Amino acid sequence: MTFNQAHILMSQQAKKEKKGKVDSLLEAVYAASDRIANQFEASTKLLIAAEEDILLKKKQLNEELSKIPNLKVLQKLQVAKRIANDEDLMILFFAAPAEEKIVFVNAIIDNEI
């Protein structure tokens, strides 16, 4: 084998090794992009479910506030906005019995909470 043939053979082997490394790298990139896409899809589903839950809670809040006697529409809207924007208030409101909800709402209206 001549020097030139040996050089060509070594060059071809180097190209094959390089192609193998590139192929492995591409497989890893494709696998990673698949995992990212799956995570994105799962996260999107969770966000949609959370938004649906928030909308349901706001609807329930409106229904509960409608049960409170002598509550004017503007007061109801103000209280609903205040409670809906504060997760702690939302939890406290829904945990309270009916009588306490009236006190709770009046305290919000009077800026005591």
PDB file of N, CA and C in Angstrom:
ATOM      1  N   MET A   1       0.851  -1.158   0.000  1.00  0.00           N
ATOM      2  CA  MET A   1       0.000   0.000   0.000  1.00  0.00           C
ATOM      3  C   MET A   1       0.904   1.231   0.000  1.00  0.00           C
ATOM      4  N   THR A   2       0.562   2.121  -0.853  1.00  0.00           N
ATOM      5  CA  THR A   2       1.371   3.321  -0.955  1.00  0.00           C
ATOM      6  C   THR A   2       0.967   4.305   0.138  1.00  0.00           C
ATOM      7  N   PHE A   3       1.826   5.285   0.300  1.00  0.00           N
ATOM      8  CA  PHE A   3       1.571   6.326   1.298  1.00  0.00           C
ATOM      9  C   PHE A   3       0.261   7.033   0.977  1.00  0.00           C
ATOM     10  N   ASN A   4       0.035   7.305  -0.293  1.00  0.00           N
ATOM     11  CA  ASN A   4      -1.164   8.008  -0.729  1.00  0.00           C
ATOM     12  C   ASN A   4      -2.416   7.177  -0.432  1.00  0.00           C
ATOM     13  N   GLN A   5      -2.366   5.877  -0.680  1.00  0.00           N
ATOM     14  CA  GLN A   5      -3.505   5.001  -0.407  1.00  0.00           C
ATOM     15  C   GLN A   5      -3.779   4.925   1.096  1.00  0.00           C
ATOM     16  N   ALA A   6      -2.722   4.845   1.894  1.00  0.00           N
ATOM     17  CA  ALA A   6      -2.862   4.796   3.351  1.00  0.00           C
ATOM     18  C   ALA A   6      -3.501   6.091   3.852  1.00  0.00           C
ATOM     19  N   HIS A   7      -3.080   7.199   3.308  1.00  0.00           N
ATOM     20  CA  HIS A   7      -3.636   8.502   3.703  1.00  0.00           C
ATOM     21  C   HIS A   7      -5.127   8.571   3.356  1.00  0.00           C
ATOM     22  N   ILE A   8      -5.501   8.080   2.176  1.00  0.00           N
ATOM     23  CA  ILE A   8      -6.905   8.081   1.741  1.00  0.00           C
ATOM     24  C   ILE A   8      -7.732   7.179   2.655  1.00  0.00           C
ATOM     25  N   LEU A   9      -7.212   6.001   2.978  1.00  0.00           N
ATOM     26  CA  LEU A   9      -7.897   5.057   3.851  1.00  0.00           C
ATOM     27  C   LEU A   9      -8.116   5.658   5.236  1.00  0.00           C
ATOM     28  N   MET A  10      -7.091   6.302   5.793  1.00  0.00           N
ATOM     29  CA  MET A  10      -7.194   6.930   7.112  1.00  0.00           C
ATOM     30  C   MET A  10      -8.206   8.078   7.059  1.00  0.00           C
ATOM     31  N   SER A  11      -8.230   8.821   5.974  1.00  0.00           N
ATOM     32  CA  SER A  11      -9.150   9.936   5.809  1.00  0.00           C
ATOM     33  C   SER A  11     -10.592   9.437   5.759  1.00  0.00           C
ATOM     34  N   GLN A  12     -10.806   8.319   5.067  1.00  0.00           N
ATOM     35  CA  GLN A  12     -12.146   7.737   4.973  1.00  0.00           C
ATOM     36  C   GLN A  12     -12.614   7.237   6.346  1.00  0.00           C
ATOM     37  N   GLN A  13     -11.704   6.621   7.095  1.00  0.00           N
ATOM     38  CA  GLN A  13     -12.055   6.135   8.434  1.00  0.00           C
ATOM     39  C   GLN A  13     -12.392   7.303   9.368  1.00  0.00           C
ATOM     40  N   ALA A  14     -11.641   8.374   9.255  1.00  0.00           N
ATOM     41  CA  ALA A  14     -11.895   9.557  10.083  1.00  0.00           C
ATOM     42  C   ALA A  14     -13.268  10.148   9.757  1.00  0.00           C
ATOM     43  N   LYS A  15     -13.622  10.155   8.456  1.00  0.00           N
ATOM     44  CA  LYS A  15     -14.926  10.671   8.054  1.00  0.00           C
ATOM     45  C   LYS A  15     -16.054   9.802   8.611  1.00  0.00           C
ATOM     46  N   LYS A  16     -15.877   8.473   8.587  1.00  0.00           N
ATOM     47  CA  LYS A  16     -16.882   7.556   9.122  1.00  0.00           C
ATOM     48  C   LYS A  16     -17.062   7.767  10.619  1.00  0.00           C
ATOM     49  N   GLU A  17     -15.948   7.929  11.345  1.00  0.00           N
ATOM     50  CA  GLU A  17     -16.025   8.168  12.795  1.00  0.00           C
ATOM     51  C   GLU A  17     -16.739   9.492  13.078  1.00  0.00           C
ATOM     52  N   LYS A  18     -16.392  10.495  12.286  1.00  0.00           N
ATOM     53  CA  LYS A  18     -17.012  11.811  12.472  1.00  0.00           C
ATOM     54  C   LYS A  18     -18.507  11.727  12.180  1.00  0.00           C
ATOM     55  N   LYS A  19     -18.901  11.024  11.098  1.00  0.00           N
ATOM     56  CA  LYS A  19     -20.311  10.861  10.754  1.00  0.00           C
ATOM     57  C   LYS A  19     -21.042  10.125  11.864  1.00  0.00           C
ATOM     58  N   GLY A  20     -20.418   9.114  12.445  1.00  0.00           N
ATOM     59  CA  GLY A  20     -21.020   8.372  13.553  1.00  0.00           C
ATOM     60  C   GLY A  20     -21.260   9.271  14.756  1.00  0.00           C
ATOM     61  N   LYS A  21     -20.305  10.144  15.051  1.00  0.00           N
ATOM     62  CA  LYS A  21     -20.453  11.070  16.177  1.00  0.00           C
ATOM     63  C   LYS A  21     -21.563  12.080  15.905  1.00  0.00           C
ATOM     64  N   VAL A  22     -21.642  12.564  14.671  1.00  0.00           N
ATOM     65  CA  VAL A  22     -22.689  13.520  14.295  1.00  0.00           C
ATOM     66  C   VAL A  22     -24.061  12.850  14.388  1.00  0.00           C
ATOM     67  N   ASP A  23     -24.149  11.614  13.891  1.00  0.00           N
ATOM     68  CA  ASP A  23     -25.423  10.883  13.972  1.00  0.00           C
ATOM     69  C   ASP A  23     -25.851  10.690  15.426  1.00  0.00           C
ATOM     70  N   SER A  24     -24.921  10.348  16.295  1.00  0.00           N
ATOM     71  CA  SER A  24     -25.232  10.175  17.723  1.00  0.00           C
ATOM     72  C   SER A  24     -25.696  11.490  18.336  1.00  0.00           C
ATOM     73  N   LEU A  25     -25.026  12.559  17.974  1.00  0.00           N
ATOM     74  CA  LEU A  25     -25.401  13.878  18.481  1.00  0.00           C
ATOM     75  C   LEU A  25     -26.803  14.257  18.008  1.00  0.00           C
ATOM     76  N   LEU A  26     -27.101  13.991  16.742  1.00  0.00           N
ATOM     77  CA  LEU A  26     -28.431  14.288  16.217  1.00  0.00           C
ATOM     78  C   LEU A  26     -29.509  13.477  16.926  1.00  0.00           C
ATOM     79  N   GLU A  27     -29.241  12.220  17.195  1.00  0.00           N
ATOM     80  CA  GLU A  27     -30.198  11.389  17.928  1.00  0.00           C
ATOM     81  C   GLU A  27     -30.460  11.963  19.314  1.00  0.00           C
ATOM     82  N   ALA A  28     -29.406  12.401  19.982  1.00  0.00           N
ATOM     83  CA  ALA A  28     -29.557  12.989  21.314  1.00  0.00           C
ATOM     84  C   ALA A  28     -30.374  14.279  21.256  1.00  0.00           C
ATOM     85  N   VAL A  29     -30.134  15.093  20.231  1.00  0.00           N
ATOM     86  CA  VAL A  29     -30.888  16.347  20.076  1.00  0.00           C
ATOM     87  C   VAL A  29     -32.360  16.042  19.808  1.00  0.00           C
ATOM     88  N   TYR A  30     -32.641  15.079  18.939  1.00  0.00           N
ATOM     89  CA  TYR A  30     -34.027  14.716  18.655  1.00  0.00           C
ATOM     90  C   TYR A  30     -34.717  14.186  19.910  1.00  0.00           C
ATOM     91  N   ALA A  31     -34.038  13.345  20.670  1.00  0.00           N
ATOM     92  CA  ALA A  31     -34.615  12.798  21.902  1.00  0.00           C
ATOM     93  C   ALA A  31     -34.896  13.915  22.907  1.00  0.00           C
ATOM     94  N   ALA A  32     -33.977  14.843  23.037  1.00  0.00           N
ATOM     95  CA  ALA A  32     -34.157  15.965  23.963  1.00  0.00           C
ATOM     96  C   ALA A  32     -35.328  16.844  23.526  1.00  0.00           C
ATOM     97  N   SER A  33     -35.426  17.092  22.223  1.00  0.00           N
ATOM     98  CA  SER A  33     -36.534  17.934  21.745  1.00  0.00           C
ATOM     99  C   SER A  33     -37.871  17.237  21.955  1.00  0.00           C
ATOM    100  N   ASP A  34     -37.906  15.928  21.834  1.00  0.00           N
ATOM    101  CA  ASP A  34     -39.124  15.170  22.118  1.00  0.00           C
ATOM    102  C   ASP A  34     -39.528  15.318  23.583  1.00  0.00           C
ATOM    103  N   ARG A  35     -38.551  15.192  24.475  1.00  0.00           N
ATOM    104  CA  ARG A  35     -38.831  15.335  25.914  1.00  0.00           C
ATOM    105  C   ARG A  35     -39.331  16.746  26.227  1.00  0.00           C
ATOM    106  N   ILE A  36     -38.723  17.739  25.612  1.00  0.00           N
ATOM    107  CA  ILE A  36     -39.148  19.131  25.835  1.00  0.00           C
ATOM    108  C   ILE A  36     -40.576  19.323  25.336  1.00  0.00           C
ATOM    109  N   ALA A  37     -40.892  18.787  24.167  1.00  0.00           N
ATOM    110  CA  ALA A  37     -42.248  18.917  23.617  1.00  0.00           C
ATOM    111  C   ALA A  37     -43.266  18.245  24.531  1.00  0.00           C
ATOM    112  N   ASN A  38     -42.927  17.070  25.058  1.00  0.00           N
ATOM    113  CA  ASN A  38     -43.833  16.365  25.967  1.00  0.00           C
ATOM    114  C   ASN A  38     -44.037  17.147  27.267  1.00  0.00           C
ATOM    115  N   GLN A  39     -42.957  17.724  27.793  1.00  0.00           N
ATOM    116  CA  GLN A  39     -43.065  18.530  29.007  1.00  0.00           C
ATOM    117  C   GLN A  39     -43.914  19.770  28.753  1.00  0.00           C
ATOM    118  N   PHE A  40     -43.736  20.386  27.611  1.00  0.00           N
ATOM    119  CA  PHE A  40     -44.512  21.572  27.254  1.00  0.00           C
ATOM    120  C   PHE A  40     -45.996  21.221  27.166  1.00  0.00           C
ATOM    121  N   GLU A  41     -46.297  20.101  26.547  1.00  0.00           N
ATOM    122  CA  GLU A  41     -47.686  19.672  26.418  1.00  0.00           C
ATOM    123  C   GLU A  41     -48.303  19.407  27.790  1.00  0.00           C
ATOM    124  N   ALA A  42     -47.565  18.726  28.659  1.00  0.00           N
ATOM    125  CA  ALA A  42     -48.064  18.443  30.007  1.00  0.00           C
ATOM    126  C   ALA A  42     -48.274  19.738  30.793  1.00  0.00           C
ATOM    127  N   SER A  43     -47.331  20.664  30.668  1.00  0.00           N
ATOM    128  CA  SER A  43     -47.446  21.947  31.372  1.00  0.00           C
ATOM    129  C   SER A  43     -48.649  22.735  30.866  1.00  0.00           C
ATOM    130  N   THR A  44     -48.862  22.706  29.577  1.00  0.00           N
ATOM    131  CA  THR A  44     -49.997  23.414  28.979  1.00  0.00           C
ATOM    132  C   THR A  44     -51.311  22.840  29.505  1.00  0.00           C
ATOM    133  N   LYS A  45     -51.392  21.515  29.598  1.00  0.00           N
ATOM    134  CA  LYS A  45     -52.610  20.882  30.121  1.00  0.00           C
ATOM    135  C   LYS A  45     -52.846  21.290  31.572  1.00  0.00           C
ATOM    136  N   LEU A  46     -51.778  21.353  32.361  1.00  0.00           N
ATOM    137  CA  LEU A  46     -51.912  21.769  33.755  1.00  0.00           C
ATOM    138  C   LEU A  46     -52.381  23.215  33.862  1.00  0.00           C
ATOM    139  N   LEU A  47     -51.831  24.075  33.031  1.00  0.00           N
ATOM    140  CA  LEU A  47     -52.246  25.483  33.048  1.00  0.00           C
ATOM    141  C   LEU A  47     -53.714  25.643  32.656  1.00  0.00           C
ATOM    142  N   ILE A  48     -54.142  24.897  31.667  1.00  0.00           N
ATOM    143  CA  ILE A  48     -55.538  24.955  31.242  1.00  0.00           C
ATOM    144  C   ILE A  48     -56.444  24.467  32.360  1.00  0.00           C
ATOM    145  N   ALA A  49     -56.061  23.377  33.011  1.00  0.00           N
ATOM    146  CA  ALA A  49     -56.858  22.852  34.123  1.00  0.00           C
ATOM    147  C   ALA A  49     -56.913  23.856  35.269  1.00  0.00           C
ATOM    148  N   ALA A  50     -55.806  24.516  35.550  1.00  0.00           N
ATOM    149  CA  ALA A  50     -55.774  25.522  36.617  1.00  0.00           C
ATOM    150  C   ALA A  50     -56.676  26.703  36.271  1.00  0.00           C
ATOM    151  N   GLU A  51     -56.646  27.148  35.025  1.00  0.00           N
ATOM    152  CA  GLU A  51     -57.508  28.246  34.594  1.00  0.00           C
ATOM    153  C   GLU A  51     -58.980  27.864  34.701  1.00  0.00           C
ATOM    154  N   GLU A  52     -59.289  26.637  34.312  1.00  0.00           N
ATOM    155  CA  GLU A  52     -60.677  26.171  34.414  1.00  0.00           C
ATOM    156  C   GLU A  52     -61.117  26.129  35.875  1.00  0.00           C
ATOM    157  N   ASP A  53     -60.229  25.702  36.754  1.00  0.00           N
ATOM    158  CA  ASP A  53     -60.527  25.662  38.188  1.00  0.00           C
ATOM    159  C   ASP A  53     -60.768  27.063  38.732  1.00  0.00           C
ATOM    160  N   ILE A  54     -59.948  28.006  38.316  1.00  0.00           N
ATOM    161  CA  ILE A  54     -60.103  29.397  38.764  1.00  0.00           C
ATOM    162  C   ILE A  54     -61.445  29.957  38.285  1.00  0.00           C
ATOM    163  N   LEU A  55     -61.795  29.689  37.042  1.00  0.00           N
ATOM    164  CA  LEU A  55     -63.083  30.165  36.518  1.00  0.00           C
ATOM    165  C   LEU A  55     -64.255  29.565  37.293  1.00  0.00           C
ATOM    166  N   LEU A  56     -64.152  28.291  37.618  1.00  0.00           N
ATOM    167  CA  LEU A  56     -65.200  27.630  38.397  1.00  0.00           C
ATOM    168  C   LEU A  56     -65.322  28.254  39.784  1.00  0.00           C
ATOM    169  N   LYS A  57     -64.192  28.506  40.428  1.00  0.00           N
ATOM    170  CA  LYS A  57     -64.203  29.131  41.755  1.00  0.00           C
ATOM    171  C   LYS A  57     -64.819  30.528  41.698  1.00  0.00           C
ATOM    172  N   LYS A  58     -64.512  31.280  40.658  1.00  0.00           N
ATOM    173  CA  LYS A  58     -65.080  32.632  40.518  1.00  0.00           C
ATOM    174  C   LYS A  58     -66.594  32.556  40.322  1.00  0.00           C
ATOM    175  N   LYS A  59     -67.043  31.573  39.583  1.00  0.00           N
ATOM    176  CA  LYS A  59     -68.481  31.382  39.389  1.00  0.00           C
ATOM    177  C   LYS A  59     -69.132  31.027  40.724  1.00  0.00           C
ATOM    178  N   GLN A  60     -68.517  30.116  41.463  1.00  0.00           N
ATOM    179  CA  GLN A  60     -69.045  29.733  42.774  1.00  0.00           C
ATOM    180  C   GLN A  60     -69.041  30.920  43.735  1.00  0.00           C
ATOM    181  N   LEU A  61     -67.992  31.733  43.660  1.00  0.00           N
ATOM    182  CA  LEU A  61     -67.901  32.928  44.495  1.00  0.00           C
ATOM    183  C   LEU A  61     -69.067  33.857  44.196  1.00  0.00           C
ATOM    184  N   ASN A  62     -69.345  34.076  42.936  1.00  0.00           N
ATOM    185  CA  ASN A  62     -70.457  34.933  42.536  1.00  0.00           C
ATOM    186  C   ASN A  62     -71.780  34.381  43.065  1.00  0.00           C
ATOM    187  N   GLU A  63     -71.953  33.075  42.957  1.00  0.00           N
ATOM    188  CA  GLU A  63     -73.175  32.440  43.450  1.00  0.00           C
ATOM    189  C   GLU A  63     -73.316  32.608  44.963  1.00  0.00           C
ATOM    190  N   GLU A  64     -72.219  32.422  45.693  1.00  0.00           N
ATOM    191  CA  GLU A  64     -72.254  32.564  47.152  1.00  0.00           C
ATOM    192  C   GLU A  64     -72.539  34.005  47.559  1.00  0.00           C
ATOM    193  N   LEU A  65     -71.930  34.955  46.864  1.00  0.00           N
ATOM    194  CA  LEU A  65     -72.161  36.361  47.192  1.00  0.00           C
ATOM    195  C   LEU A  65     -73.603  36.762  46.900  1.00  0.00           C
ATOM    196  N   SER A  66     -74.231  36.125  45.918  1.00  0.00           N
ATOM    197  CA  SER A  66     -75.631  36.422  45.602  1.00  0.00           C
ATOM    198  C   SER A  66     -76.570  36.004  46.725  1.00  0.00           C
ATOM    199  N   LYS A  67     -76.125  35.107  47.578  1.00  0.00           N
ATOM    200  CA  LYS A  67     -76.945  34.634  48.698  1.00  0.00           C
ATOM    201  C   LYS A  67     -76.933  35.602  49.875  1.00  0.00           C
ATOM    202  N   ILE A  68     -76.011  36.550  49.866  1.00  0.00           N
ATOM    203  CA  ILE A  68     -75.873  37.471  50.997  1.00  0.00           C
ATOM    204  C   ILE A  68     -76.919  38.582  50.865  1.00  0.00           C
ATOM    205  N   PRO A  69     -77.774  38.732  51.899  1.00  0.00           N
ATOM    206  CA  PRO A  69     -78.843  39.729  51.809  1.00  0.00           C
ATOM    207  C   PRO A  69     -78.311  41.159  51.862  1.00  0.00           C
ATOM    208  N   ASN A  70     -79.055  42.052  51.222  1.00  0.00           N
ATOM    209  CA  ASN A  70     -78.774  43.495  51.231  1.00  0.00           C
ATOM    210  C   ASN A  70     -77.424  43.871  50.636  1.00  0.00           C
ATOM    211  N   LEU A  71     -76.865  43.026  49.815  1.00  0.00           N
ATOM    212  CA  LEU A  71     -75.585  43.334  49.178  1.00  0.00           C
ATOM    213  C   LEU A  71     -75.870  43.964  47.817  1.00  0.00           C
ATOM    214  N   LYS A  72     -75.464  45.205  47.663  1.00  0.00           N
ATOM    215  CA  LYS A  72     -75.693  45.914  46.395  1.00  0.00           C
ATOM    216  C   LYS A  72     -74.782  45.343  45.315  1.00  0.00           C
ATOM    217  N   VAL A  73     -75.177  45.530  44.084  1.00  0.00           N
ATOM    218  CA  VAL A  73     -74.422  44.982  42.955  1.00  0.00           C
ATOM    219  C   VAL A  73     -72.982  45.485  42.965  1.00  0.00           C
ATOM    220  N   LEU A  74     -72.792  46.761  43.161  1.00  0.00           N
ATOM    221  CA  LEU A  74     -71.443  47.319  43.167  1.00  0.00           C
ATOM    222  C   LEU A  74     -70.608  46.736  44.308  1.00  0.00           C
ATOM    223  N   GLN A  75     -71.222  46.575  45.460  1.00  0.00           N
ATOM    224  CA  GLN A  75     -70.520  45.964  46.599  1.00  0.00           C
ATOM    225  C   GLN A  75     -70.136  44.522  46.272  1.00  0.00           C
ATOM    226  N   LYS A  76     -71.072  43.811  45.666  1.00  0.00           N
ATOM    227  CA  LYS A  76     -70.805  42.422  45.280  1.00  0.00           C
ATOM    228  C   LYS A  76     -69.620  42.341  44.329  1.00  0.00           C
ATOM    229  N   LEU A  77     -69.583  43.234  43.365  1.00  0.00           N
ATOM    230  CA  LEU A  77     -68.476  43.239  42.410  1.00  0.00           C
ATOM    231  C   LEU A  77     -67.145  43.575  43.092  1.00  0.00           C
ATOM    232  N   GLN A  78     -67.176  44.544  43.991  1.00  0.00           N
ATOM    233  CA  GLN A  78     -65.957  44.929  44.704  1.00  0.00           C
ATOM    234  C   GLN A  78     -65.442  43.775  45.568  1.00  0.00           C
ATOM    235  N   VAL A  79     -66.354  43.139  46.294  1.00  0.00           N
ATOM    236  CA  VAL A  79     -65.971  42.014  47.161  1.00  0.00           C
ATOM    237  C   VAL A  79     -65.476  40.849  46.317  1.00  0.00           C
ATOM    238  N   ALA A  80     -66.183  40.558  45.236  1.00  0.00           N
ATOM    239  CA  ALA A  80     -65.783  39.448  44.358  1.00  0.00           C
ATOM    240  C   ALA A  80     -64.383  39.672  43.806  1.00  0.00           C
ATOM    241  N   LYS A  81     -64.122  40.888  43.376  1.00  0.00           N
ATOM    242  CA  LYS A  81     -62.791  41.197  42.832  1.00  0.00           C
ATOM    243  C   LYS A  81     -61.719  41.037  43.900  1.00  0.00           C
ATOM    244  N   ARG A  82     -61.996  41.538  45.084  1.00  0.00           N
ATOM    245  CA  ARG A  82     -61.009  41.461  46.174  1.00  0.00           C
ATOM    246  C   ARG A  82     -60.711  40.010  46.553  1.00  0.00           C
ATOM    247  N   ILE A  83     -61.763  39.209  46.697  1.00  0.00           N
ATOM    248  CA  ILE A  83     -61.571  37.806  47.087  1.00  0.00           C
ATOM    249  C   ILE A  83     -60.908  37.019  45.964  1.00  0.00           C
ATOM    250  N   ALA A  84     -61.369  37.227  44.735  1.00  0.00           N
ATOM    251  CA  ALA A  84     -60.837  36.474  43.596  1.00  0.00           C
ATOM    252  C   ALA A  84     -59.358  36.749  43.367  1.00  0.00           C
ATOM    253  N   ASN A  85     -58.889  37.935  43.742  1.00  0.00           N
ATOM    254  CA  ASN A  85     -57.482  38.291  43.532  1.00  0.00           C
ATOM    255  C   ASN A  85     -56.574  37.892  44.689  1.00  0.00           C
ATOM    256  N   ASP A  86     -57.139  37.270  45.716  1.00  0.00           N
ATOM    257  CA  ASP A  86     -56.344  36.877  46.888  1.00  0.00           C
ATOM    258  C   ASP A  86     -56.681  35.439  47.253  1.00  0.00           C
ATOM    259  N   GLU A  87     -55.771  34.534  46.967  1.00  0.00           N
ATOM    260  CA  GLU A  87     -56.013  33.108  47.186  1.00  0.00           C
ATOM    261  C   GLU A  87     -56.346  32.800  48.644  1.00  0.00           C
ATOM    262  N   ASP A  88     -55.672  33.480  49.576  1.00  0.00           N
ATOM    263  CA  ASP A  88     -55.953  33.250  50.998  1.00  0.00           C
ATOM    264  C   ASP A  88     -57.384  33.649  51.353  1.00  0.00           C
ATOM    265  N   LEU A  89     -57.829  34.787  50.831  1.00  0.00           N
ATOM    266  CA  LEU A  89     -59.211  35.213  51.080  1.00  0.00           C
ATOM    267  C   LEU A  89     -60.201  34.232  50.461  1.00  0.00           C
ATOM    268  N   MET A  90     -59.864  33.715  49.294  1.00  0.00           N
ATOM    269  CA  MET A  90     -60.734  32.747  48.625  1.00  0.00           C
ATOM    270  C   MET A  90     -60.885  31.493  49.491  1.00  0.00           C
ATOM    271  N   ILE A  91     -59.784  31.012  50.020  1.00  0.00           N
ATOM    272  CA  ILE A  91     -59.816  29.810  50.869  1.00  0.00           C
ATOM    273  C   ILE A  91     -60.630  30.082  52.128  1.00  0.00           C
ATOM    274  N   LEU A  92     -60.378  31.216  52.765  1.00  0.00           N
ATOM    275  CA  LEU A  92     -61.112  31.564  53.985  1.00  0.00           C
ATOM    276  C   LEU A  92     -62.608  31.717  53.716  1.00  0.00           C
ATOM    277  N   PHE A  93     -62.945  32.370  52.626  1.00  0.00           N
ATOM    278  CA  PHE A  93     -64.353  32.595  52.298  1.00  0.00           C
ATOM    279  C   PHE A  93     -65.091  31.270  52.122  1.00  0.00           C
ATOM    280  N   PHE A  94     -64.541  30.370  51.339  1.00  0.00           N
ATOM    281  CA  PHE A  94     -65.239  29.112  51.072  1.00  0.00           C
ATOM    282  C   PHE A  94     -65.237  28.174  52.272  1.00  0.00           C
ATOM    283  N   ALA A  95     -64.311  28.367  53.193  1.00  0.00           N
ATOM    284  CA  ALA A  95     -64.274  27.530  54.397  1.00  0.00           C
ATOM    285  C   ALA A  95     -65.250  28.028  55.456  1.00  0.00           C
ATOM    286  N   ALA A  96     -65.688  29.270  55.335  1.00  0.00           N
ATOM    287  CA  ALA A  96     -66.549  29.871  56.357  1.00  0.00           C
ATOM    288  C   ALA A  96     -67.995  29.398  56.214  1.00  0.00           C
ATOM    289  N   PRO A  97     -68.666  29.213  57.365  1.00  0.00           N
ATOM    290  CA  PRO A  97     -70.108  28.923  57.308  1.00  0.00           C
ATOM    291  C   PRO A  97     -70.875  30.155  56.822  1.00  0.00           C
ATOM    292  N   ALA A  98     -72.134  29.975  56.471  1.00  0.00           N
ATOM    293  CA  ALA A  98     -72.946  31.043  55.866  1.00  0.00           C
ATOM    294  C   ALA A  98     -72.959  32.320  56.709  1.00  0.00           C
ATOM    295  N   GLU A  99     -73.129  32.187  58.034  1.00  0.00           N
ATOM    296  CA  GLU A  99     -73.195  33.381  58.885  1.00  0.00           C
ATOM    297  C   GLU A  99     -71.873  34.149  58.867  1.00  0.00           C
ATOM    298  N   GLU A 100     -70.785  33.412  58.883  1.00  0.00           N
ATOM    299  CA  GLU A 100     -69.466  34.051  58.875  1.00  0.00           C
ATOM    300  C   GLU A 100     -69.168  34.706  57.529  1.00  0.00           C
ATOM    301  N   LYS A 101     -69.729  34.174  56.459  1.00  0.00           N
ATOM    302  CA  LYS A 101     -69.519  34.780  55.141  1.00  0.00           C
ATOM    303  C   LYS A 101     -70.086  36.191  55.113  1.00  0.00           C
ATOM    304  N   ILE A 102     -71.210  36.391  55.777  1.00  0.00           N
ATOM    305  CA  ILE A 102     -71.821  37.721  55.827  1.00  0.00           C
ATOM    306  C   ILE A 102     -70.890  38.685  56.555  1.00  0.00           C
ATOM    307  N   VAL A 103     -70.362  38.252  57.703  1.00  0.00           N
ATOM    308  CA  VAL A 103     -69.414  39.075  58.466  1.00  0.00           C
ATOM    309  C   VAL A 103     -68.162  39.327  57.634  1.00  0.00           C
ATOM    310  N   PHE A 104     -67.692  38.305  56.977  1.00  0.00           N
ATOM    311  CA  PHE A 104     -66.497  38.365  56.129  1.00  0.00           C
ATOM    312  C   PHE A 104     -66.678  39.420  55.030  1.00  0.00           C
ATOM    313  N   VAL A 105     -67.805  39.348  54.341  1.00  0.00           N
ATOM    314  CA  VAL A 105     -68.085  40.282  53.241  1.00  0.00           C
ATOM    315  C   VAL A 105     -68.187  41.709  53.771  1.00  0.00           C
ATOM    316  N   ASN A 106     -68.880  41.879  54.877  1.00  0.00           N
ATOM    317  CA  ASN A 106     -69.008  43.226  55.451  1.00  0.00           C
ATOM    318  C   ASN A 106     -67.652  43.779  55.880  1.00  0.00           C
ATOM    319  N   ALA A 107     -66.780  42.914  56.389  1.00  0.00           N
ATOM    320  CA  ALA A 107     -65.444  43.347  56.783  1.00  0.00           C
ATOM    321  C   ALA A 107     -64.633  43.806  55.560  1.00  0.00           C
ATOM    322  N   ILE A 108     -64.823  43.134  54.449  1.00  0.00           N
ATOM    323  CA  ILE A 108     -64.136  43.557  53.219  1.00  0.00           C
ATOM    324  C   ILE A 108     -64.677  44.908  52.755  1.00  0.00           C
ATOM    325  N   ILE A 109     -66.007  45.049  52.782  1.00  0.00           N
ATOM    326  CA  ILE A 109     -66.620  46.305  52.366  1.00  0.00           C
ATOM    327  C   ILE A 109     -66.138  47.464  53.249  1.00  0.00           C
ATOM    328  N   ASP A 110     -65.998  47.210  54.547  1.00  0.00           N
ATOM    329  CA  ASP A 110     -65.569  48.252  55.502  1.00  0.00           C
ATOM    330  C   ASP A 110     -64.039  48.391  55.575  1.00  0.00           C
ATOM    331  N   ASN A 111     -63.335  47.710  54.674  1.00  0.00           N
ATOM    332  CA  ASN A 111     -61.854  47.732  54.633  1.00  0.00           C
ATOM    333  C   ASN A 111     -61.225  47.287  55.946  1.00  0.00           C
ATOM    334  N   GLU A 112     -61.861  46.361  56.623  1.00  0.00           N
ATOM    335  CA  GLU A 112     -61.309  45.789  57.843  1.00  0.00           C
ATOM    336  C   GLU A 112     -60.416  44.586  57.543  1.00  0.00           C
ATOM    337  N   ILE A 113     -60.555  44.064  56.357  1.00  0.00           N
ATOM    338  CA  ILE A 113     -59.709  42.930  55.921  1.00  0.00           C
ATOM    339  C   ILE A 113     -58.910  43.405  54.716  1.00  0.00           C
TER     340      ILE A 113
END
